[in-house]
Amino acid sequence: MSPDSDTSPASSSPPSNGTPSAAGAGRDFGFETRMLHAGHIPDAETGSRAVPIHQTTSYVFDDTNYAAQLFELKAYGNIYTRINNPTTAAFEERIASLANAVGAVATASGMAAELVALMTLLEPGDEIVASAHLYGGTRTLFTNTFQKLSVEASFVEPNDLDAWDAAITDDTKVLYGETIGNPQGSVLDIEPLVELADAHGLPLIIDNTFATPYLCRPLDWDVPLVVQSATKFIGGHGTSIGGVVLDGGSFDFTTIDAVAEPSDSYHGLKFPDTFGHQGYLMKTRAETLRDTGASLSPFNAFQLIQGLETLSVRVERHVDNAQAVAEHLHEHPRVERVAYPGLPGNHALAQKYLPKGPGAIFTFELSPDGQAPRAAGKTFIENLQLFSHLANVGDARSLVLHPASTTHQQLSDEEMRASGLSPGMIRLSIGLEDTNDLLWDLDQALHAISQ
């Protein structure tokens, strides 16, 4: 399926997606319009143009019958903010519209989104087949936490379709990958992986954190489920942690026992049969989110909505700066290699799936000029003046991390290389600063290595 870059099926019902006015009913609004309006209509009582922060734990029920209907899922409304909240709902509707999803469930973090998305699908004894190019926290979730729940994971090279096929067993219940692998920067070939998952009757989950819905919408390629850390480019300013699970409505979850089986919590209710395309998300919200408590706070939902309202403008600038920095480093004598999909030789898949740009996060290898790579990395970091040295990405400010002296400092050089990293590898998250200032900062820090 070739994705539509500008319009969303979700926008065909304007009133429910917060369109500018009821007069626009039936119009497919563009991405930027939905960034600002989807999910919210100004409050009729107060006229508030911004989405209000509903900072409350709970909600008064009209009467006992209505309360009973809410708890039996026979009526949709607010029960408790651990399950749903009006501010959070506005964020969910807006990002669902931008991602071309049938709906969304917001969570406390990107890791929480992964947890609830997978726990809804899995039972003890099940298996996950995942890309080997994953965020380290995701890999730890799969190999440690899920192992405690008797769920096993195997890892394959992301674009080796035969390896994916060979790893699938009768116990495999889900495939998992990242649009842009973290930190390798590899672009996943989504289309054939969707076809393979369909052939085995399995849902595929894609983590789209690095791309955002502006650069790539995996649901347009018939990926069933997407998870996203909203902490990064969605929020965009390093202030709030959040995540989201998105369902494209393309997968038949009646074939997945963990989703389709009668619910003990709701008197034998079968979520896919009762709620159709919303069945998986309703089960995720009404059971997994309810029981894990991994809910997004209303204030953070409000902050993330502010981020969505400038998403395309910021991401365009992020990508322009990243391309310029990557090209500059690629030609730099003190840089051995740059792993950015926007460079020649790396960008065939990026052009297919990320035509507006392959994101703003990438790694490069230092050419240490006689120094030990780990020591060269420390020298480089300590001489930067604009880049902030911290463990985050997707901020408006440019960020840098040297894994060998931080997240992976306990590993030897040999162990780091075995895990796909290297002692001299630097990860950059390119922000919105003046391009020439970023190049100057990198140049003077690279020069310091040889002094």
Protein backbone atom coordinates (compact mmCIF):
# COMPACT_ATOMS: atom_id res chain seq x y z
CA MET A 1 0.00 0.00 0.00
CA SER A 2 1.38 3.41 -0.90
CA PRO A 3 0.75 5.84 1.96
CA ASP A 4 -1.06 9.12 1.50
CA SER A 5 1.24 11.87 2.75
CA ASP A 6 -1.28 14.60 3.49
CA THR A 7 -4.72 13.36 4.49
CA SER A 8 -6.15 10.98 7.04
CA PRO A 9 -9.17 8.69 6.96
CA ALA A 10 -9.66 9.69 10.59
CA SER A 11 -10.27 13.28 9.51
CA SER A 12 -13.38 12.45 7.50
CA SER A 13 -15.57 13.00 10.59
CA PRO A 14 -14.56 16.54 11.56
CA PRO A 15 -16.65 17.14 14.69
CA SER A 16 -15.12 14.13 16.51
CA ASN A 17 -11.63 15.20 15.52
CA GLY A 18 -11.79 18.80 16.64
CA THR A 19 -12.00 20.48 13.25
CA PRO A 20 -12.23 24.28 12.98
CA SER A 21 -16.01 24.26 12.63
CA ALA A 22 -18.93 22.03 11.84
CA ALA A 23 -19.01 23.69 8.41
CA GLY A 24 -15.98 21.58 7.51
CA ALA A 25 -17.86 18.30 7.91
CA GLY A 26 -16.83 15.82 5.23
CA ARG A 27 -13.53 17.52 4.41
CA ASP A 28 -10.22 15.69 4.70
CA PHE A 29 -8.10 18.18 6.60
CA GLY A 30 -4.34 18.31 6.13
CA PHE A 31 -1.72 17.19 8.62
CA GLU A 32 -0.92 20.68 9.93
CA THR A 33 -4.59 21.54 10.42
CA ARG A 34 -5.13 18.37 12.41
CA MET A 35 -1.98 19.09 14.47
CA LEU A 36 -3.82 22.12 15.80
CA HIS A 37 -7.46 21.04 15.91
CA ALA A 38 -7.94 17.27 16.08
CA GLY A 39 -9.40 15.90 19.27
CA HIS A 40 -10.79 19.15 20.68
CA ILE A 41 -13.74 21.48 20.10
CA PRO A 42 -13.77 24.68 22.21
CA ASP A 43 -15.74 24.12 25.36
CA ALA A 44 -19.33 25.35 24.97
CA GLU A 45 -19.53 26.59 28.55
CA THR A 46 -16.21 28.42 28.92
CA GLY A 47 -15.12 28.91 25.30
CA SER A 48 -11.61 27.73 26.13
CA ARG A 49 -9.59 27.58 22.91
CA ALA A 50 -6.74 25.55 24.44
CA VAL A 51 -7.43 22.03 25.69
CA PRO A 52 -8.15 22.37 29.43
CA ILE A 53 -6.13 20.41 31.96
CA HIS A 54 -8.57 18.14 33.76
CA GLN A 55 -6.39 17.60 36.83
CA THR A 56 -8.71 15.22 38.62
CA THR A 57 -8.53 11.63 39.79
CA SER A 58 -12.20 10.78 39.44
CA TYR A 59 -15.60 11.81 38.10
CA VAL A 60 -19.12 12.09 39.53
CA PHE A 61 -21.64 9.63 38.06
CA ASP A 62 -25.07 10.92 37.05
CA ASP A 63 -26.83 8.04 38.76
CA THR A 64 -26.29 4.43 39.82
CA ASN A 65 -27.53 2.99 36.52
CA TYR A 66 -25.09 5.12 34.53
CA ALA A 67 -22.27 4.10 36.86
CA ALA A 68 -23.13 0.44 36.35
CA GLN A 69 -23.11 0.87 32.57
CA LEU A 70 -19.68 2.51 32.71
CA PHE A 71 -18.18 -0.30 34.76
CA GLU A 72 -19.73 -2.92 32.47
CA LEU A 73 -18.37 -1.08 29.37
CA LYS A 74 -21.91 -0.58 28.10
CA ALA A 75 -21.43 3.19 28.07
CA TYR A 76 -18.30 5.20 27.35
CA GLY A 77 -17.38 7.88 29.84
CA ASN A 78 -14.93 8.82 32.53
CA ILE A 79 -14.49 6.56 35.54
CA TYR A 80 -11.00 7.15 36.92
CA THR A 81 -7.97 8.94 35.46
CA ARG A 82 -5.91 5.75 35.62
CA ILE A 83 -8.17 4.52 32.79
CA ASN A 84 -9.15 7.68 30.94
CA ASN A 85 -9.23 11.46 31.30
CA PRO A 86 -10.63 14.24 29.05
CA THR A 87 -7.23 15.94 28.55
CA THR A 88 -5.56 12.63 27.82
CA ALA A 89 -8.41 11.72 25.46
CA ALA A 90 -7.78 14.90 23.45
CA PHE A 91 -4.12 13.92 23.08
CA GLU A 92 -5.12 10.38 22.08
CA GLU A 93 -7.56 11.60 19.43
CA ARG A 94 -5.10 14.10 18.01
CA ILE A 95 -2.19 11.72 17.62
CA ALA A 96 -4.52 9.00 16.30
CA SER A 97 -5.65 11.42 13.60
CA LEU A 98 -2.05 12.30 12.68
CA ALA A 99 -1.01 8.63 12.55
CA ASN A 100 -4.09 7.56 10.55
CA ALA A 101 -5.14 5.25 13.39
CA VAL A 102 -8.61 4.13 14.41
CA GLY A 103 -7.70 5.03 17.98
CA ALA A 104 -4.99 5.35 20.58
CA VAL A 105 -4.22 4.58 24.21
CA ALA A 106 -1.82 6.98 25.94
CA THR A 107 0.59 5.73 28.58
CA ALA A 108 3.01 7.06 31.18
CA SER A 109 6.08 6.57 28.95
CA GLY A 110 7.28 4.96 25.74
CA MET A 111 8.35 1.89 27.72
CA ALA A 112 4.87 1.73 29.25
CA ALA A 113 3.40 1.81 25.74
CA GLU A 114 5.53 -1.20 24.77
CA LEU A 115 4.57 -3.01 27.97
CA VAL A 116 0.80 -2.60 27.68
CA ALA A 117 0.76 -3.19 23.91
CA LEU A 118 2.54 -6.52 24.30
CA MET A 119 0.93 -7.66 27.55
CA THR A 120 -2.46 -7.37 25.86
CA LEU A 121 -1.26 -9.76 23.15
CA LEU A 122 0.80 -12.28 25.11
CA GLU A 123 0.29 -15.18 27.49
CA PRO A 124 2.87 -17.32 29.36
CA GLY A 125 4.73 -19.55 26.90
CA ASP A 126 4.38 -17.14 23.98
CA GLU A 127 7.34 -15.83 21.98
CA ILE A 128 8.35 -12.53 20.37
CA VAL A 129 10.53 -12.26 17.26
CA ALA A 130 12.18 -8.85 17.15
CA SER A 131 14.69 -6.81 15.21
CA ALA A 132 18.19 -6.89 16.68
CA HIS A 133 18.40 -3.12 16.13
CA LEU A 134 16.37 -2.02 19.13
CA TYR A 135 16.61 0.56 21.88
CA GLY A 136 18.49 -1.01 24.78
CA GLY A 137 15.58 -0.55 27.18
CA THR A 138 13.29 -2.45 24.82
CA ARG A 139 15.74 -5.31 24.55
CA THR A 140 16.00 -5.44 28.36
CA LEU A 141 12.19 -5.47 28.62
CA PHE A 142 12.09 -8.45 26.28
CA THR A 143 14.96 -10.43 27.80
CA ASN A 144 14.43 -9.66 31.49
CA THR A 145 10.92 -8.53 32.41
CA PHE A 146 9.04 -10.64 29.88
CA GLN A 147 11.22 -13.64 30.68
CA LYS A 148 9.90 -13.38 34.26
CA LEU A 149 6.43 -13.68 32.73
CA SER A 150 7.49 -16.82 30.79
CA VAL A 151 7.59 -14.98 27.46
CA GLU A 152 10.73 -15.53 25.35
CA ALA A 153 12.22 -13.25 22.68
CA SER A 154 14.57 -13.93 19.77
CA PHE A 155 16.39 -11.28 17.73
CA VAL A 156 17.19 -11.16 14.02
CA GLU A 157 18.85 -8.75 11.62
CA PRO A 158 16.07 -6.28 10.76
CA ASN A 159 16.14 -6.62 6.96
CA ASP A 160 16.96 -10.32 6.69
CA LEU A 161 13.50 -11.61 5.83
CA ASP A 162 14.67 -15.25 5.79
CA ALA A 163 15.96 -14.84 9.35
CA TRP A 164 12.58 -13.49 10.47
CA ASP A 165 10.81 -16.40 8.81
CA ALA A 166 13.17 -18.99 10.32
CA ALA A 167 12.75 -17.54 13.83
CA ILE A 168 8.95 -17.82 13.80
CA THR A 169 7.61 -20.87 15.67
CA ASP A 170 4.17 -22.13 16.64
CA ASP A 171 4.54 -20.16 19.88
CA THR A 172 5.36 -16.84 18.18
CA LYS A 173 2.57 -14.35 18.76
CA VAL A 174 4.03 -11.02 17.60
CA LEU A 175 6.80 -9.49 15.46
CA TYR A 176 8.47 -6.28 16.62
CA GLY A 177 10.74 -3.68 15.01
CA GLU A 178 11.66 0.01 14.88
CA THR A 179 11.16 2.30 11.88
CA ILE A 180 14.65 3.70 12.50
CA GLY A 181 16.77 1.37 14.62
CA ASN A 182 18.21 2.82 17.83
CA PRO A 183 21.13 3.56 17.84
CA GLN A 184 22.28 1.98 14.55
CA GLY A 185 20.09 4.22 12.38
CA SER A 186 19.00 1.33 10.14
CA VAL A 187 15.70 1.81 8.31
CA LEU A 188 13.34 -1.16 8.53
CA ASP A 189 11.95 -2.52 5.25
CA ILE A 190 8.35 -2.49 6.46
CA GLU A 191 6.40 -3.71 3.42
CA PRO A 192 7.85 -7.25 3.08
CA LEU A 193 7.79 -7.68 6.85
CA VAL A 194 4.07 -6.88 6.88
CA GLU A 195 3.55 -9.49 4.16
CA LEU A 196 5.51 -12.08 6.17
CA ALA A 197 3.55 -11.31 9.33
CA ASP A 198 0.28 -11.62 7.40
CA ALA A 199 1.36 -14.97 5.94
CA HIS A 200 1.85 -16.27 9.49
CA GLY A 201 -1.28 -14.61 10.85
CA LEU A 202 0.76 -12.50 13.28
CA PRO A 203 0.48 -8.84 14.29
CA LEU A 204 3.51 -6.65 13.65
CA ILE A 205 4.32 -3.84 16.08
CA ILE A 206 6.51 -0.96 14.92
CA ASP A 207 8.14 1.56 17.26
CA ASN A 208 7.93 4.84 15.34
CA THR A 209 9.57 7.08 17.94
CA PHE A 210 12.46 8.39 15.85
CA ALA A 211 10.32 9.06 12.77
CA THR A 212 7.14 10.52 14.29
CA PRO A 213 3.88 10.48 12.28
CA TYR A 214 5.17 13.42 10.26
CA LEU A 215 8.07 11.54 8.64
CA CYS A 216 6.54 8.05 8.49
CA ARG A 217 3.15 6.52 9.23
CA PRO A 218 3.65 2.75 9.44
CA LEU A 219 -0.12 2.22 9.68
CA ASP A 220 -0.36 3.46 6.07
CA TRP A 221 1.79 0.45 5.12
CA ASP A 222 -0.77 -1.87 6.80
CA VAL A 223 1.29 -2.31 9.98
CA PRO A 224 -1.36 -3.33 12.55
CA LEU A 225 0.07 -1.62 15.66
CA VAL A 226 2.44 1.25 16.37
CA VAL A 227 3.99 2.31 19.66
CA GLN A 228 5.57 5.69 20.17
CA SER A 229 7.53 7.41 22.90
CA ALA A 230 5.87 10.81 23.05
CA THR A 231 8.70 11.94 25.33
CA LYS A 232 10.88 12.60 22.30
CA PHE A 233 9.85 14.62 19.25
CA ILE A 234 6.12 14.58 20.05
CA GLY A 235 6.63 16.63 23.21
CA GLY A 236 9.80 18.03 21.72
CA HIS A 237 11.10 20.12 24.61
CA GLY A 238 12.41 17.61 27.13
CA THR A 239 9.75 18.42 29.73
CA SER A 240 7.30 15.52 29.82
CA ILE A 241 7.37 11.74 29.62
CA GLY A 242 4.62 9.86 27.79
CA GLY A 243 3.85 7.14 25.28
CA VAL A 244 1.07 5.93 23.03
CA VAL A 245 -0.26 2.73 21.45
CA LEU A 246 -1.92 3.16 18.03
CA ASP A 247 -4.12 0.65 16.15
CA GLY A 248 -4.58 0.90 12.41
CA GLY A 249 -7.68 -1.32 12.39
CA SER A 250 -6.20 -3.68 9.79
CA PHE A 251 -5.66 -6.79 11.91
CA ASP A 252 -8.25 -9.40 12.90
CA PHE A 253 -7.62 -9.81 16.62
CA THR A 254 -10.23 -12.54 16.91
CA THR A 255 -7.37 -14.84 15.86
CA ILE A 256 -5.23 -13.91 18.90
CA ASP A 257 -6.35 -15.90 21.94
CA ALA A 258 -5.06 -13.40 24.51
CA VAL A 259 -7.24 -10.68 22.96
CA ALA A 260 -10.23 -12.71 21.78
CA GLU A 261 -10.85 -15.00 24.76
CA PRO A 262 -13.76 -14.14 27.11
CA SER A 263 -12.77 -11.60 29.75
CA ASP A 264 -13.08 -12.66 33.37
CA SER A 265 -13.14 -8.99 34.36
CA TYR A 266 -16.28 -8.28 32.32
CA HIS A 267 -18.49 -11.37 32.67
CA GLY A 268 -17.17 -13.18 29.60
CA LEU A 269 -17.19 -10.18 27.26
CA LYS A 270 -15.18 -10.75 24.06
CA PHE A 271 -13.50 -7.46 23.18
CA PRO A 272 -13.05 -7.91 19.39
CA ASP A 273 -16.58 -9.24 18.97
CA THR A 274 -18.10 -6.41 21.04
CA PHE A 275 -16.01 -3.43 19.93
CA GLY A 276 -14.90 -4.40 16.41
CA HIS A 277 -11.89 -2.38 15.23
CA GLN A 278 -11.64 -0.83 18.69
CA GLY A 279 -11.53 -4.24 20.40
CA TYR A 280 -7.79 -4.46 20.91
CA LEU A 281 -7.51 -0.89 22.20
CA MET A 282 -10.51 -1.33 24.51
CA LYS A 283 -8.93 -4.42 26.03
CA THR A 284 -5.61 -2.57 26.34
CA ARG A 285 -7.32 0.29 28.16
CA ALA A 286 -9.93 -1.55 30.21
CA GLU A 287 -7.68 -4.38 31.37
CA THR A 288 -3.95 -3.88 30.82
CA LEU A 289 -3.76 -0.13 31.48
CA ARG A 290 -6.23 -0.45 34.34
CA ASP A 291 -4.25 -3.23 36.01
CA THR A 292 -0.70 -1.95 35.43
CA GLY A 293 -1.51 1.66 36.26
CA ALA A 294 0.79 2.86 33.46
CA SER A 295 -1.39 5.89 32.72
CA LEU A 296 -0.39 9.30 31.40
CA SER A 297 -0.90 12.24 33.76
CA PRO A 298 -3.32 14.95 32.55
CA PHE A 299 -0.64 17.65 32.87
CA ASN A 300 1.79 15.67 30.72
CA ALA A 301 -0.99 15.04 28.20
CA PHE A 302 -1.49 18.82 28.02
CA GLN A 303 2.25 19.36 27.49
CA LEU A 304 2.35 16.73 24.74
CA ILE A 305 -0.59 18.39 22.98
CA GLN A 306 1.44 21.62 22.90
CA GLY A 307 4.25 19.65 21.26
CA LEU A 308 1.95 18.19 18.62
CA GLU A 309 0.83 21.67 17.59
CA THR A 310 4.31 22.48 16.21
CA LEU A 311 5.41 18.96 15.24
CA SER A 312 5.85 19.39 11.48
CA VAL A 313 7.62 22.75 11.77
CA ARG A 314 10.08 21.44 14.34
CA VAL A 315 10.75 18.13 12.62
CA GLU A 316 11.49 19.83 9.31
CA ARG A 317 14.13 21.96 11.04
CA HIS A 318 15.48 18.93 12.93
CA VAL A 319 15.91 17.04 9.64
CA ASP A 320 17.52 19.96 7.79
CA ASN A 321 20.05 20.43 10.59
CA ALA A 322 20.72 16.69 10.88
CA GLN A 323 21.39 16.36 7.15
CA ALA A 324 23.85 19.25 7.24
CA VAL A 325 25.64 17.90 10.32
CA ALA A 326 25.83 14.37 8.93
CA GLU A 327 27.27 15.57 5.62
CA HIS A 328 29.83 17.72 7.45
CA LEU A 329 30.95 14.89 9.73
CA HIS A 330 31.07 12.49 6.78
CA GLU A 331 33.83 14.64 5.25
CA HIS A 332 35.63 15.35 8.52
CA PRO A 333 39.17 13.88 8.86
CA ARG A 334 38.64 13.01 12.53
CA VAL A 335 35.48 11.02 11.84
CA GLU A 336 35.76 7.43 10.70
CA ARG A 337 32.12 6.67 9.83
CA VAL A 338 28.68 8.29 10.01
CA ALA A 339 25.56 6.10 10.28
CA TYR A 340 22.84 8.39 8.95
CA PRO A 341 20.27 7.11 6.43
CA GLY A 342 20.31 10.44 4.60
CA LEU A 343 23.85 9.93 3.32
CA PRO A 344 24.63 8.34 -0.09
CA GLY A 345 24.72 4.57 0.06
CA ASN A 346 22.44 4.45 3.10
CA HIS A 347 19.22 5.97 1.89
CA ALA A 348 17.30 3.66 -0.49
CA LEU A 349 14.89 2.52 2.24
CA ALA A 350 14.83 6.00 3.76
CA GLN A 351 13.63 7.43 0.46
CA LYS A 352 10.85 4.84 0.34
CA TYR A 353 9.56 5.13 3.90
CA LEU A 354 10.89 8.53 5.02
CA PRO A 355 10.75 10.79 1.94
CA LYS A 356 10.66 13.96 4.10
CA GLY A 357 13.87 12.96 5.86
CA PRO A 358 15.26 10.10 7.98
CA GLY A 359 15.00 11.78 11.35
CA ALA A 360 17.52 13.72 13.41
CA ILE A 361 19.26 11.05 15.50
CA PHE A 362 22.36 9.24 14.34
CA THR A 363 25.74 7.92 15.42
CA PHE A 364 29.27 8.43 14.21
CA GLU A 365 32.63 6.80 14.91
CA LEU A 366 35.57 8.90 16.01
CA SER A 367 38.92 8.52 14.31
CA PRO A 368 40.91 8.87 17.54
CA ASP A 369 44.24 9.92 15.99
CA GLY A 370 46.38 7.74 18.25
CA GLN A 371 44.21 7.93 21.36
CA ALA A 372 42.26 5.00 22.72
CA PRO A 373 38.71 5.29 21.32
CA ARG A 374 37.10 5.42 24.75
CA ALA A 375 39.43 8.22 25.89
CA ALA A 376 38.88 10.09 22.62
CA GLY A 377 35.13 9.92 23.19
CA LYS A 378 35.48 11.44 26.65
CA THR A 379 37.70 14.23 25.31
CA PHE A 380 35.17 15.02 22.58
CA ILE A 381 32.24 15.15 25.01
CA GLU A 382 34.07 17.33 27.54
CA ASN A 383 34.93 19.94 24.91
CA LEU A 384 31.44 20.43 23.47
CA GLN A 385 29.80 23.73 24.39
CA LEU A 386 26.35 23.73 22.73
CA PHE A 387 25.47 20.03 22.78
CA SER A 388 23.97 18.86 26.08
CA HIS A 389 25.49 15.63 27.41
CA LEU A 390 22.53 13.59 28.65
CA ALA A 391 20.51 10.41 28.10
CA ASN A 392 17.61 11.62 25.99
CA VAL A 393 16.81 12.38 22.34
CA GLY A 394 14.25 14.39 20.42
CA ASP A 395 14.70 17.65 22.33
CA ALA A 396 14.58 21.11 20.73
CA ARG A 397 18.19 21.40 21.91
CA SER A 398 21.01 19.31 20.43
CA LEU A 399 22.03 16.39 22.62
CA VAL A 400 25.00 14.04 22.72
CA LEU A 401 25.83 10.73 24.41
CA HIS A 402 29.00 8.64 24.50
CA PRO A 403 27.74 5.14 25.41
CA ALA A 404 31.20 3.83 26.34
CA SER A 405 31.48 6.34 29.19
CA THR A 406 27.82 6.27 30.28
CA THR A 407 25.19 3.66 29.44
CA HIS A 408 27.69 0.93 28.49
CA GLN A 409 30.68 1.90 30.65
CA GLN A 410 30.59 -1.46 32.44
CA LEU A 411 31.38 -3.30 29.19
CA SER A 412 34.86 -3.93 27.84
CA ASP A 413 35.75 -2.71 24.35
CA GLU A 414 35.29 -6.27 23.04
CA GLU A 415 31.90 -6.64 24.75
CA MET A 416 30.74 -3.35 23.29
CA ARG A 417 31.68 -4.41 19.76
CA ALA A 418 29.86 -7.72 20.29
CA SER A 419 26.71 -5.76 21.16
CA GLY A 420 26.92 -3.75 17.93
CA LEU A 421 28.46 -0.63 19.48
CA SER A 422 32.04 0.61 19.73
CA PRO A 423 34.14 2.50 22.30
CA GLY A 424 34.43 5.51 20.00
CA MET A 425 30.79 5.73 18.97
CA ILE A 426 28.97 9.01 19.60
CA ARG A 427 25.18 9.45 19.39
CA LEU A 428 23.81 12.82 18.35
CA SER A 429 20.27 14.15 18.56
CA ILE A 430 20.27 17.25 16.39
CA GLY A 431 18.18 20.16 17.63
CA LEU A 432 16.94 23.47 16.30
CA GLU A 433 19.98 25.70 16.81
CA ASP A 434 21.69 27.67 14.05
CA THR A 435 23.33 25.13 11.76
CA ASN A 436 26.67 26.92 11.61
CA ASP A 437 26.87 27.07 15.39
CA LEU A 438 26.37 23.29 15.62
CA LEU A 439 29.10 22.68 13.03
CA TRP A 440 31.45 25.02 14.90
CA ASP A 441 30.84 23.23 18.20
CA LEU A 442 31.49 19.81 16.69
CA ASP A 443 34.61 21.02 14.87
CA GLN A 444 36.23 22.53 17.94
CA ALA A 445 35.47 19.43 20.05
CA LEU A 446 36.90 17.15 17.36
CA HIS A 447 39.99 19.32 17.12
CA ALA A 448 40.51 18.93 20.87
CA ILE A 449 41.00 15.17 20.46
CA SER A 450 44.38 15.67 18.79
CA GLN A 451 45.61 18.33 21.25
